[in-house]
Amino acid sequence: MRAAQLLLVLLAGPLAAGAAEKKAEGKAKTIDELAARFDSSRCRECHAEIYAQWEKSHHARPLMGVAGGLMLTPVVKASAFQVKEPREATLGTFPCFKCHLPQAVRHAEDSVAVELTQALFTAADKDRPDKDKAAARAKVAKLQITCVVCHNEVAITHRRVLGAPEKDVVYGRKDLASHGDRIMTRVKRSAILDEPIFCGQCHGTGPNFEFDYPIQCATLYGSYQHGYLSRGGFQSCQECHMPRAAGGSADHQFLPNFDDKASTAALLAKTVHLDVQTLGYQWLRKAGALTPMIVVNTKIRHDAGHRIPDG
């Protein structure tokens, strides 16, 4: 009997420890907790150039929109997902999380949605003090698509076969036995990291019918498949939007950066082509009355790998 009891104790120990660890991990209840769980600031120590590029990208401000605008404010104020009070918000209030904050879908509780909604309400309230608005905007800005999101959370799509991403692993272009990071200790090759399907997870194929209220959002990946590859195109999203410097790493600004008007204009100038033909003449409507006239023919075309604009 004692031997059996001892065996049960020995078996229960690891099980109890595993259960406790799982319970302790749980889901993030606050914005700060979710941001800390996917914080990538430690990546800067070894990947300073890449990190500096990422900081300038829209991935570093996925909820801020262009020019610092709070893009989710219309969602909670005037869409089919609007709420009267922040406390009514749930994760389902923000279908945008699917792409703009994918880690929240699996790792956050509804309380994060409530806190985010409160921040959006505060920032949009003209009667609130400027310091309160600034604090609210800073809170929203903490929610980012970080290195950990791309190189772990969404690095595996075929989870039925490959399983979920391992917590202590960075997924990259090749296997490495050691990563040198005390938290994420190994590097494993991701089968999709260099493939358009990796980007297609968010820059999608069209309507999101899985929501209770379907929304039409990014169709860029669908356009790439059906309007570019089908016509003989062969470049990947990464080749155009993450060009590699000679002997260097891929550019992690994920161009274009729409906040940088000069670089965006330069990129569009290379891609979008405008052909204008004009014919000027005078219309003699009646004797002595010449009316200047002009005929303008324009043709706009582009050679991007997808329709423009899109997301």
Protein backbone atom coordinates (compact mmCIF):
# COMPACT_ATOMS: atom_id res chain seq x y z
CA MET A 1 0.00 0.00 0.00
CA ARG A 2 2.79 2.42 0.92
CA ALA A 3 4.56 1.72 -2.35
CA ALA A 4 1.39 2.47 -4.28
CA GLN A 5 0.85 5.68 -2.32
CA LEU A 6 4.47 6.74 -2.93
CA LEU A 7 4.06 6.09 -6.65
CA LEU A 8 0.93 8.24 -6.73
CA VAL A 9 2.77 11.07 -4.99
CA LEU A 10 5.67 10.85 -7.43
CA LEU A 11 3.31 10.88 -10.41
CA ALA A 12 1.12 13.64 -9.02
CA GLY A 13 4.10 15.94 -8.44
CA PRO A 14 4.94 16.63 -12.11
CA LEU A 15 1.25 16.75 -13.04
CA ALA A 16 0.49 19.26 -10.32
CA ALA A 17 3.52 21.33 -11.29
CA GLY A 18 2.44 21.32 -14.93
CA ALA A 19 -1.10 22.32 -14.01
CA ALA A 20 0.19 25.11 -11.78
CA GLU A 21 2.47 26.38 -14.55
CA LYS A 22 -0.43 26.37 -17.02
CA LYS A 23 -2.68 28.15 -14.57
CA ALA A 24 -0.01 30.74 -13.78
CA GLU A 25 0.53 31.44 -17.45
CA GLY A 26 -3.14 31.83 -18.35
CA LYS A 27 -4.30 34.62 -20.62
CA ALA A 28 -3.35 38.25 -20.37
CA LYS A 29 -5.85 40.31 -18.40
CA THR A 30 -4.39 43.75 -19.12
CA ILE A 31 -2.75 45.61 -21.99
CA ASP A 32 0.50 45.81 -20.03
CA GLU A 33 0.47 42.05 -19.44
CA LEU A 34 -0.18 41.25 -23.11
CA ALA A 35 2.47 43.74 -24.25
CA ALA A 36 5.03 42.29 -21.84
CA ARG A 37 4.34 38.73 -22.98
CA PHE A 38 5.19 39.63 -26.59
CA ASP A 39 7.81 42.29 -25.86
CA SER A 40 10.75 42.11 -28.28
CA SER A 41 12.99 44.83 -26.89
CA ARG A 42 15.59 42.20 -25.97
CA CYS A 43 16.00 41.46 -29.68
CA ARG A 44 17.62 44.88 -30.11
CA GLU A 45 20.80 43.77 -28.34
CA CYS A 46 21.87 41.53 -31.21
CA HIS A 47 19.70 42.76 -34.08
CA ALA A 48 19.98 46.53 -33.68
CA GLU A 49 19.62 47.40 -37.38
CA ILE A 50 16.62 45.16 -37.92
CA TYR A 51 14.99 46.41 -34.73
CA ALA A 52 15.48 50.04 -35.80
CA GLN A 53 13.83 49.26 -39.13
CA TRP A 54 10.92 47.52 -37.42
CA GLU A 55 10.37 50.52 -35.12
CA LYS A 56 9.69 52.65 -38.22
CA SER A 57 7.26 50.13 -39.69
CA HIS A 58 3.49 49.93 -39.44
CA HIS A 59 3.93 46.62 -37.60
CA ALA A 60 5.23 48.67 -34.67
CA ARG A 61 2.00 50.69 -34.60
CA PRO A 62 -0.73 48.40 -35.98
CA LEU A 63 -3.51 50.07 -33.96
CA MET A 64 -2.36 53.63 -34.61
CA GLY A 65 -3.03 53.87 -38.34
CA VAL A 66 -1.35 56.47 -40.54
CA ALA A 67 -0.04 59.70 -38.99
CA GLY A 68 -0.77 58.45 -35.49
CA GLY A 69 -4.52 58.15 -35.97
CA LEU A 70 -6.39 55.73 -33.70
CA MET A 71 -7.81 53.49 -36.41
CA LEU A 72 -10.02 51.47 -34.04
CA THR A 73 -12.02 54.44 -32.77
CA PRO A 74 -14.67 54.11 -35.53
CA VAL A 75 -15.00 50.41 -34.68
CA VAL A 76 -16.22 51.13 -31.14
CA LYS A 77 -18.00 54.36 -32.02
CA ALA A 78 -19.82 53.85 -35.30
CA SER A 79 -19.57 50.32 -36.72
CA ALA A 80 -21.59 47.13 -36.42
CA PHE A 81 -19.29 46.33 -33.46
CA GLN A 82 -19.85 49.60 -31.60
CA VAL A 83 -20.50 49.65 -27.85
CA LYS A 84 -22.19 52.24 -25.68
CA GLU A 85 -19.86 51.75 -22.74
CA PRO A 86 -16.30 50.33 -22.62
CA ARG A 87 -17.39 47.63 -20.16
CA GLU A 88 -19.54 46.10 -22.92
CA ALA A 89 -16.51 45.38 -25.12
CA THR A 90 -15.21 41.85 -25.71
CA LEU A 91 -12.58 40.39 -27.99
CA GLY A 92 -15.41 39.92 -30.50
CA THR A 93 -15.81 43.70 -30.62
CA PHE A 94 -12.48 43.86 -32.43
CA PRO A 95 -12.45 41.60 -35.51
CA CYS A 96 -9.47 43.74 -36.54
CA PHE A 97 -7.40 41.80 -33.99
CA LYS A 98 -7.25 38.91 -36.47
CA CYS A 99 -4.56 40.84 -38.34
CA HIS A 100 -3.74 43.99 -36.40
CA LEU A 101 -3.11 42.15 -33.11
CA PRO A 102 -3.20 38.37 -33.75
CA GLN A 103 -1.68 37.50 -30.36
CA ALA A 104 -4.73 38.92 -28.61
CA VAL A 105 -7.02 36.35 -30.23
CA ARG A 106 -5.36 33.44 -28.42
CA HIS A 107 -3.64 35.07 -25.47
CA ALA A 108 -5.91 37.81 -24.12
CA GLU A 109 -9.08 37.93 -22.08
CA ASP A 110 -12.03 40.21 -22.73
CA SER A 111 -10.69 42.56 -20.06
CA VAL A 112 -7.99 43.63 -22.54
CA ALA A 113 -10.72 44.64 -24.99
CA VAL A 114 -12.46 46.61 -22.23
CA GLU A 115 -9.25 48.43 -21.33
CA LEU A 116 -8.50 49.20 -24.98
CA THR A 117 -12.02 50.53 -25.53
CA GLN A 118 -11.71 52.79 -22.50
CA ALA A 119 -8.47 54.18 -23.91
CA LEU A 120 -10.11 54.81 -27.30
CA PHE A 121 -13.06 56.56 -25.65
CA THR A 122 -10.73 58.71 -23.56
CA ALA A 123 -8.53 59.70 -26.50
CA ALA A 124 -11.61 60.70 -28.53
CA ASP A 125 -13.25 62.70 -25.74
CA LYS A 126 -12.79 66.41 -26.50
CA ASP A 127 -13.56 67.29 -22.89
CA ARG A 128 -10.80 65.17 -21.38
CA PRO A 129 -7.50 66.84 -20.38
CA ASP A 130 -4.67 66.55 -22.88
CA LYS A 131 -2.58 64.54 -20.42
CA ASP A 132 -5.36 61.93 -20.16
CA LYS A 133 -5.63 61.73 -23.93
CA ALA A 134 -1.86 61.35 -24.28
CA ALA A 135 -1.82 58.56 -21.68
CA ALA A 136 -4.64 56.78 -23.50
CA ARG A 137 -2.83 56.98 -26.82
CA ALA A 138 0.36 55.70 -25.19
CA LYS A 139 -1.56 52.72 -23.85
CA VAL A 140 -2.90 51.84 -27.30
CA ALA A 141 0.60 52.22 -28.75
CA LYS A 142 1.88 49.43 -26.48
CA LEU A 143 0.01 46.89 -28.58
CA GLN A 144 2.33 45.95 -31.43
CA ILE A 145 3.09 43.22 -33.92
CA THR A 146 6.50 42.44 -32.52
CA CYS A 147 9.40 40.17 -33.47
CA VAL A 148 7.94 37.47 -31.20
CA VAL A 149 4.58 37.64 -32.97
CA CYS A 150 6.05 37.06 -36.44
CA HIS A 151 8.92 34.77 -35.48
CA ASN A 152 6.89 32.62 -33.09
CA GLU A 153 3.15 33.15 -32.77
CA VAL A 154 2.28 33.13 -36.50
CA ALA A 155 5.34 31.27 -37.81
CA ILE A 156 3.40 28.01 -38.18
CA THR A 157 0.13 27.81 -40.09
CA HIS A 158 -0.35 24.05 -40.54
CA ARG A 159 -0.82 23.37 -36.83
CA ARG A 160 -2.85 20.19 -37.29
CA VAL A 161 0.33 18.55 -38.59
CA LEU A 162 3.15 20.63 -37.12
CA GLY A 163 1.62 21.61 -33.80
CA ALA A 164 1.67 25.02 -32.15
CA PRO A 165 4.84 27.14 -32.06
CA GLU A 166 7.16 26.15 -29.23
CA LYS A 167 7.50 28.84 -26.58
CA ASP A 168 11.28 28.82 -26.31
CA VAL A 169 11.89 28.83 -30.07
CA VAL A 170 12.57 31.60 -32.57
CA TYR A 171 11.43 30.57 -36.04
CA GLY A 172 13.67 31.71 -38.86
CA ARG A 173 15.09 30.67 -42.22
CA LYS A 174 17.22 27.82 -40.88
CA ASP A 175 17.80 25.63 -37.83
CA LEU A 176 20.28 26.74 -35.18
CA ALA A 177 21.09 24.77 -32.06
CA SER A 178 21.60 27.90 -29.98
CA HIS A 179 20.11 31.36 -30.14
CA GLY A 180 21.93 32.96 -27.24
CA ASP A 181 18.74 34.28 -25.65
CA ARG A 182 17.98 33.14 -22.12
CA ILE A 183 14.25 32.99 -22.95
CA MET A 184 14.08 31.85 -26.58
CA THR A 185 17.00 29.47 -26.74
CA ARG A 186 16.78 27.83 -30.17
CA VAL A 187 16.09 28.72 -33.79
CA LYS A 188 13.98 26.44 -35.95
CA ARG A 189 13.27 26.79 -39.64
CA SER A 190 9.80 27.99 -40.51
CA ALA A 191 8.52 26.44 -43.73
CA ILE A 192 6.50 29.56 -44.57
CA LEU A 193 8.66 32.48 -43.45
CA ASP A 194 9.99 33.12 -46.98
CA GLU A 195 6.69 32.35 -48.66
CA PRO A 196 3.83 34.69 -49.63
CA ILE A 197 1.43 32.61 -47.53
CA PHE A 198 3.19 33.95 -44.42
CA CYS A 199 2.13 37.50 -45.33
CA GLY A 200 -1.22 36.25 -46.60
CA GLN A 201 -2.27 35.32 -43.07
CA CYS A 202 -3.06 38.99 -42.52
CA HIS A 203 -2.89 40.65 -45.92
CA GLY A 204 -5.70 38.39 -46.91
CA THR A 205 -7.95 36.99 -49.54
CA GLY A 206 -11.11 38.94 -48.88
CA PRO A 207 -14.27 38.61 -46.77
CA ASN A 208 -13.94 37.31 -43.21
CA PHE A 209 -16.98 35.08 -43.00
CA GLU A 210 -15.96 33.50 -39.70
CA PHE A 211 -17.21 36.49 -37.74
CA ASP A 212 -20.80 36.81 -36.53
CA TYR A 213 -20.95 39.97 -38.62
CA PRO A 214 -18.70 39.27 -41.66
CA ILE A 215 -16.44 42.10 -42.75
CA GLN A 216 -14.70 42.85 -46.01
CA CYS A 217 -11.09 43.72 -45.39
CA ALA A 218 -7.71 43.20 -47.03
CA THR A 219 -7.78 41.35 -50.33
CA LEU A 220 -4.14 41.91 -51.24
CA TYR A 221 -3.04 38.28 -51.05
CA GLY A 222 -6.02 37.23 -53.16
CA SER A 223 -5.11 39.87 -55.72
CA TYR A 224 -1.51 38.64 -55.68
CA GLN A 225 -2.66 35.08 -56.36
CA HIS A 226 -5.32 35.75 -58.97
CA GLY A 227 -4.09 38.93 -60.68
CA TYR A 228 -0.31 38.56 -60.53
CA LEU A 229 0.75 34.93 -60.35
CA SER A 230 -1.94 33.96 -62.86
CA ARG A 231 -0.40 36.40 -65.36
CA GLY A 232 3.11 35.04 -65.05
CA GLY A 233 4.39 36.96 -62.04
CA PHE A 234 6.87 35.10 -59.90
CA GLN A 235 8.21 37.40 -57.19
CA SER A 236 7.18 36.92 -53.57
CA CYS A 237 5.84 39.55 -51.18
CA GLN A 238 9.14 39.41 -49.32
CA GLU A 239 11.22 40.10 -52.43
CA CYS A 240 9.39 43.37 -53.06
CA HIS A 241 8.59 44.56 -49.54
CA MET A 242 11.61 43.19 -47.66
CA PRO A 243 14.50 43.66 -50.12
CA ARG A 244 17.87 42.38 -49.01
CA ALA A 245 20.92 44.59 -48.96
CA ALA A 246 24.04 43.10 -50.52
CA GLY A 247 25.15 40.41 -48.12
CA GLY A 248 22.76 41.75 -45.49
CA SER A 249 19.44 40.95 -43.91
CA ALA A 250 15.96 41.68 -45.19
CA ASP A 251 14.58 45.17 -44.69
CA HIS A 252 12.14 45.04 -41.78
CA GLN A 253 10.43 48.35 -42.50
CA PHE A 254 8.03 46.36 -44.71
CA LEU A 255 7.82 49.19 -47.22
CA PRO A 256 5.97 51.34 -47.96
CA ASN A 257 5.88 53.33 -44.75
CA PHE A 258 2.90 55.59 -45.39
CA ASP A 259 4.05 58.00 -42.70
CA ASP A 260 7.12 58.69 -44.83
CA LYS A 261 5.53 60.52 -47.74
CA ALA A 262 8.77 61.00 -49.67
CA SER A 263 9.73 57.30 -49.74
CA THR A 264 6.14 56.27 -50.45
CA ALA A 265 5.94 58.68 -53.38
CA ALA A 266 9.25 57.40 -54.73
CA LEU A 267 8.06 53.78 -54.53
CA LEU A 268 4.73 54.57 -56.20
CA ALA A 269 6.53 56.55 -58.92
CA LYS A 270 8.45 53.40 -59.85
CA THR A 271 5.32 51.25 -59.80
CA VAL A 272 2.42 53.38 -61.06
CA HIS A 273 2.68 54.75 -64.58
CA LEU A 274 0.61 57.60 -66.00
CA ASP A 275 0.38 58.17 -69.74
CA VAL A 276 -1.23 61.46 -70.74
CA GLN A 277 -1.98 62.57 -74.29
CA THR A 278 -3.48 65.95 -75.07
CA LEU A 279 -4.82 67.69 -78.14
CA GLY A 280 -5.49 71.42 -78.11
CA TYR A 281 -7.63 73.19 -80.70
CA GLN A 282 -9.99 76.11 -81.18
CA TRP A 283 -13.68 75.69 -81.78
CA LEU A 284 -15.15 78.15 -84.21
CA ARG A 285 -18.69 78.13 -82.92
CA LYS A 286 -19.63 81.24 -84.84
CA ALA A 287 -17.82 83.82 -86.93
CA GLY A 288 -15.28 85.72 -84.84
CA ALA A 289 -15.75 83.55 -81.71
CA LEU A 290 -12.92 81.06 -81.27
CA THR A 291 -13.29 78.94 -78.12
CA PRO A 292 -10.12 77.19 -76.83
CA MET A 293 -10.72 73.46 -76.33
CA ILE A 294 -8.61 70.52 -75.21
CA VAL A 295 -8.96 66.75 -75.36
CA VAL A 296 -7.12 64.79 -72.67
CA ASN A 297 -6.62 61.02 -72.83
CA THR A 298 -5.10 59.35 -69.78
CA LYS A 299 -4.06 55.82 -69.05
CA ILE A 300 -2.96 54.64 -65.61
CA ARG A 301 -1.29 51.28 -65.15
CA HIS A 302 0.94 49.68 -62.56
CA ASP A 303 3.27 46.75 -62.37
CA ALA A 304 2.93 45.90 -58.69
CA GLY A 305 2.21 42.34 -57.63
CA HIS A 306 -1.31 43.22 -56.49
CA ARG A 307 -4.01 45.85 -56.87
CA ILE A 308 -3.34 49.33 -55.55
CA PRO A 309 -4.52 50.46 -53.08
CA ASP A 310 -5.09 47.52 -50.80
CA GLY A 311 -4.07 46.32 -47.36
